[in-house]
Amino acid sequence: MRIDIITIFPEMFSPVLNESMVKRAQNKGRVKIYIHNLRDYSSDKHKKVDDRPFGGGCGMLMRPEPIFKAVEALKGKSGKVKAKVILFSPQGRVLNQEMVKRLSKYKNLILICGHYEGVDERVREHLADEEISIGDYVLTGGELPAMVLTDAIVRLIPGVLGDKNSLNFESFESNLLEYSHYTRPANFRGMKVPAILLSGDHKKIEVWRKAQALRKTKQKRPDLLLKPRRDP
């Protein structure tokens, strides 16, 4: 898989994308991640990528020209592979695990990180295939959402996680939160691990874990139980 990220702050990405699981995935050759400075595609002699909005208003907008040029150049490098172009925007659908699983199937994603007061509407209407938001709150730009999406996708790529079966038991699979986990010591300051987990009876442990997942979901995220059931 190839992920291209277009941004005006390329230095933000190295501390996140060159650590942990994402770094290991790149080292294994499971994913190639490229960070592109949008200013490299600006025709302005000062490499400006923003301008004042027509009709007045506060703040600055990102101009369409450098964004179109960047995406078109990257699509040219992808050859016959159809690239999926994603714009991070408060107007987009809120990211969830189902969307992550769907996007992880693509061979090439091009992520556009907006900034300032947003991007020229023509980018939204004529260039982006999809708009994504990571929540109903305001960020200074699309860089953090791009990192979030990249991390979520990379861990779903086959061969990235050590145990492929672990994906079936994570939060939001089957519309349930994950069951409670415990490790050694079995008794920490008087706080004991549930006896069932020490029993060695794997069938009973599985039943207990399912009940725990359901109980946690009812308590903390009952909205998930209203969605259509997705069995792993």
Protein backbone atom coordinates (compact mmCIF):
# COMPACT_ATOMS: atom_id res chain seq x y z
CA MET A 1 0.00 0.00 0.00
CA ARG A 2 1.11 3.56 -0.71
CA ILE A 3 -0.03 6.62 1.27
CA ASP A 4 0.78 10.12 0.02
CA ILE A 5 0.22 13.01 2.42
CA ILE A 6 0.07 16.61 1.16
CA THR A 7 0.78 19.22 3.81
CA ILE A 8 2.38 22.60 4.47
CA PHE A 9 3.97 21.25 7.66
CA PRO A 10 5.90 18.14 6.59
CA GLU A 11 8.12 18.20 9.68
CA MET A 12 5.14 17.31 11.89
CA PHE A 13 4.97 13.73 10.62
CA SER A 14 8.37 12.21 11.33
CA PRO A 15 7.95 11.78 15.12
CA VAL A 16 4.72 9.82 14.59
CA LEU A 17 5.23 7.91 11.35
CA ASN A 18 8.77 6.82 12.17
CA GLU A 19 7.91 5.10 15.44
CA SER A 20 6.16 1.98 16.69
CA MET A 21 3.89 -0.09 14.44
CA VAL A 22 3.90 2.36 11.53
CA LYS A 23 7.69 2.31 11.38
CA ARG A 24 7.79 -1.48 11.52
CA ALA A 25 5.22 -1.71 8.73
CA GLN A 26 7.39 0.50 6.54
CA ASN A 27 10.51 -1.50 7.37
CA LYS A 28 8.69 -4.69 6.40
CA GLY A 29 7.71 -3.15 3.07
CA ARG A 30 4.00 -3.46 3.84
CA VAL A 31 3.36 0.25 3.31
CA LYS A 32 5.16 3.18 1.72
CA ILE A 33 4.38 6.60 3.18
CA TYR A 34 5.44 9.78 1.41
CA ILE A 35 5.12 13.31 2.80
CA HIS A 36 4.81 16.09 0.20
CA ASN A 37 5.27 19.78 0.89
CA LEU A 38 2.40 21.62 -0.79
CA ARG A 39 4.60 24.70 -1.22
CA ASP A 40 6.68 22.77 -3.76
CA TYR A 41 3.68 22.95 -6.09
CA SER A 42 3.05 26.68 -5.72
CA SER A 43 3.63 28.97 -8.72
CA ASP A 44 4.07 31.95 -6.41
CA LYS A 45 7.68 33.13 -6.11
CA HIS A 46 7.29 33.21 -2.33
CA LYS A 47 5.72 29.72 -2.35
CA LYS A 48 2.42 31.02 -0.96
CA VAL A 49 -0.45 28.56 -0.96
CA ASP A 50 -3.15 30.73 0.62
CA ASP A 51 -5.08 33.89 -0.23
CA ARG A 52 -7.96 36.05 0.98
CA PRO A 53 -11.49 34.72 0.33
CA PHE A 54 -13.65 36.36 -2.33
CA GLY A 55 -16.55 38.24 -0.76
CA GLY A 56 -14.58 39.07 2.36
CA GLY A 57 -14.43 37.31 5.67
CA CYS A 58 -11.85 36.47 8.29
CA GLY A 59 -8.80 34.32 7.76
CA MET A 60 -7.18 32.89 4.66
CA LEU A 61 -8.09 30.04 2.32
CA MET A 62 -5.81 27.50 0.68
CA ARG A 63 -5.69 28.14 -3.05
CA PRO A 64 -6.83 25.42 -5.46
CA GLU A 65 -3.91 25.56 -7.91
CA PRO A 66 -1.13 24.00 -5.80
CA ILE A 67 -3.46 21.34 -4.42
CA PHE A 68 -4.65 20.30 -7.88
CA LYS A 69 -1.07 20.27 -9.17
CA ALA A 70 0.11 18.15 -6.25
CA VAL A 71 -2.68 15.58 -6.59
CA GLU A 72 -2.31 15.38 -10.38
CA ALA A 73 1.43 14.85 -10.07
CA LEU A 74 0.96 12.07 -7.52
CA LYS A 75 -1.71 10.37 -9.59
CA GLY A 76 0.77 10.36 -12.46
CA LYS A 77 3.21 8.40 -10.29
CA SER A 78 0.64 5.77 -9.31
CA GLY A 79 0.44 4.38 -12.84
CA LYS A 80 -2.54 2.10 -13.41
CA VAL A 81 -3.42 2.07 -9.70
CA LYS A 82 -6.46 4.25 -9.00
CA ALA A 83 -5.67 6.61 -6.13
CA LYS A 84 -8.33 7.52 -3.57
CA VAL A 85 -8.16 11.25 -2.73
CA ILE A 86 -9.23 12.19 0.79
CA LEU A 87 -9.72 15.71 2.15
CA PHE A 88 -9.80 16.22 5.91
CA SER A 89 -12.63 18.57 6.74
CA PRO A 90 -15.17 19.30 9.50
CA GLN A 91 -17.81 18.69 6.82
CA GLY A 92 -16.68 15.11 6.28
CA ARG A 93 -18.11 11.90 7.66
CA VAL A 94 -16.79 11.13 11.12
CA LEU A 95 -14.13 8.43 10.98
CA ASN A 96 -14.99 5.02 12.38
CA GLN A 97 -13.57 1.51 12.21
CA GLU A 98 -15.76 0.46 9.28
CA MET A 99 -14.38 3.35 7.21
CA VAL A 100 -10.83 2.45 8.23
CA LYS A 101 -11.34 -1.16 7.14
CA ARG A 102 -12.75 -0.05 3.79
CA LEU A 103 -9.91 2.40 3.11
CA SER A 104 -7.28 -0.16 4.06
CA LYS A 105 -8.25 -2.14 0.95
CA TYR A 106 -7.00 0.60 -1.43
CA LYS A 107 -3.55 0.39 -3.01
CA ASN A 108 -2.98 4.16 -2.95
CA LEU A 109 -4.42 6.91 -0.77
CA ILE A 110 -3.72 10.62 -1.28
CA LEU A 111 -4.45 12.62 1.87
CA ILE A 112 -4.94 16.40 1.66
CA CYS A 113 -4.30 18.31 4.88
CA GLY A 114 -6.29 21.53 4.94
CA HIS A 115 -5.25 24.55 6.99
CA TYR A 116 -6.16 28.15 7.80
CA GLU A 117 -9.92 28.67 7.28
CA GLY A 118 -10.08 25.69 4.94
CA VAL A 119 -9.61 25.04 1.23
CA ASP A 120 -11.13 26.52 -1.91
CA GLU A 121 -14.50 24.85 -2.52
CA ARG A 122 -13.35 23.62 -5.95
CA VAL A 123 -10.99 21.19 -4.23
CA ARG A 124 -13.92 19.73 -2.34
CA GLU A 125 -16.20 19.56 -5.38
CA HIS A 126 -13.85 18.50 -8.16
CA LEU A 127 -10.76 16.86 -6.66
CA ALA A 128 -11.51 15.02 -3.42
CA ASP A 129 -13.22 11.64 -3.63
CA GLU A 130 -14.16 11.68 0.02
CA GLU A 131 -14.15 14.03 3.04
CA ILE A 132 -13.30 12.77 6.50
CA SER A 133 -13.50 14.31 9.96
CA ILE A 134 -12.06 12.72 13.10
CA GLY A 135 -14.57 14.39 15.41
CA ASP A 136 -16.83 17.32 16.11
CA TYR A 137 -14.16 19.73 17.29
CA VAL A 138 -11.83 22.22 15.61
CA LEU A 139 -8.15 21.58 14.85
CA THR A 140 -5.62 23.93 13.31
CA GLY A 141 -5.15 21.69 10.30
CA GLY A 142 -5.48 18.28 8.73
CA GLU A 143 -2.08 16.99 9.82
CA LEU A 144 -3.23 15.29 13.01
CA PRO A 145 -6.23 13.66 11.28
CA ALA A 146 -3.86 12.38 8.57
CA MET A 147 -1.68 10.76 11.26
CA VAL A 148 -4.72 9.24 12.95
CA LEU A 149 -6.05 7.74 9.72
CA THR A 150 -2.64 6.48 8.65
CA ASP A 151 -2.04 4.75 11.98
CA ALA A 152 -5.50 3.17 11.98
CA ILE A 153 -5.12 1.89 8.42
CA VAL A 154 -1.56 0.61 8.66
CA ARG A 155 -2.30 -1.75 11.54
CA LEU A 156 -4.98 -3.45 9.41
CA ILE A 157 -2.60 -4.23 6.54
CA PRO A 158 -1.94 -7.99 6.42
CA GLY A 159 1.38 -8.90 7.97
CA VAL A 160 1.73 -5.76 10.10
CA LEU A 161 0.40 -7.11 13.41
CA GLY A 162 2.10 -10.15 14.89
CA ASP A 163 -1.19 -11.94 15.62
CA LYS A 164 -3.74 -11.43 12.86
CA ASN A 165 -6.51 -12.87 15.07
CA SER A 166 -6.10 -10.04 17.58
CA LEU A 167 -7.94 -7.72 15.17
CA ASN A 168 -11.13 -9.71 15.73
CA PHE A 169 -11.21 -8.94 19.44
CA GLU A 170 -10.57 -5.20 19.48
CA SER A 171 -12.94 -2.42 20.43
CA PHE A 172 -15.65 -1.61 17.86
CA GLU A 173 -15.54 -5.06 16.25
CA SER A 174 -19.09 -6.50 16.36
CA ASN A 175 -20.14 -3.06 17.66
CA LEU A 176 -18.76 -3.89 21.11
CA LEU A 177 -16.08 -2.35 23.28
CA GLU A 178 -13.22 -4.65 24.19
CA TYR A 179 -13.41 -6.83 27.28
CA SER A 180 -11.27 -6.13 30.39
CA HIS A 181 -7.60 -7.17 30.32
CA TYR A 182 -5.34 -8.14 33.22
CA THR A 183 -1.70 -9.21 33.59
CA ARG A 184 0.72 -10.11 36.39
CA PRO A 185 0.68 -9.83 39.35
CA ALA A 186 -2.58 -11.61 40.04
CA ASN A 187 -2.92 -9.65 43.28
CA PHE A 188 -1.78 -6.03 43.16
CA ARG A 189 -2.30 -4.08 46.41
CA GLY A 190 -5.31 -6.19 47.20
CA MET A 191 -6.83 -5.69 43.74
CA LYS A 192 -7.27 -9.21 42.38
CA VAL A 193 -7.57 -10.53 38.85
CA PRO A 194 -10.97 -12.24 38.28
CA ALA A 195 -10.62 -15.89 39.21
CA ILE A 196 -12.07 -17.07 35.90
CA LEU A 197 -8.97 -15.79 34.07
CA LEU A 198 -6.74 -17.96 36.26
CA SER A 199 -8.86 -21.08 35.82
CA GLY A 200 -7.37 -22.31 32.54
CA ASP A 201 -10.88 -23.06 31.25
CA HIS A 202 -10.76 -21.29 27.88
CA LYS A 203 -14.42 -21.88 27.02
CA LYS A 204 -15.57 -20.25 30.25
CA ILE A 205 -13.06 -17.44 29.76
CA GLU A 206 -14.47 -16.76 26.27
CA VAL A 207 -18.02 -16.60 27.66
CA TRP A 208 -16.85 -14.24 30.43
CA ARG A 209 -15.08 -11.98 27.96
CA LYS A 210 -18.13 -11.69 25.72
CA ALA A 211 -20.28 -10.82 28.72
CA GLN A 212 -17.71 -8.24 29.82
CA ALA A 213 -17.65 -6.65 26.38
CA LEU A 214 -21.44 -6.41 26.32
CA ARG A 215 -21.59 -4.98 29.86
CA LYS A 216 -18.94 -2.35 29.12
CA THR A 217 -20.68 -1.34 25.91
CA LYS A 218 -24.05 -0.97 27.65
CA GLN A 219 -22.44 1.20 30.33
CA LYS A 220 -20.12 3.38 28.24
CA ARG A 221 -21.30 3.33 24.61
CA PRO A 222 -24.91 2.11 24.41
CA ASP A 223 -25.21 3.85 21.04
CA LEU A 224 -23.04 1.12 19.51
CA LEU A 225 -25.68 -1.48 20.31
CA LEU A 226 -28.19 0.34 18.10
CA LYS A 227 -26.05 -0.22 15.00
CA PRO A 228 -26.41 -3.28 12.76
CA ARG A 229 -24.43 -6.20 14.19
CA ARG A 230 -21.06 -6.94 12.57
CA ASP A 231 -19.70 -10.35 13.51
CA PRO A 232 -15.90 -10.71 13.19
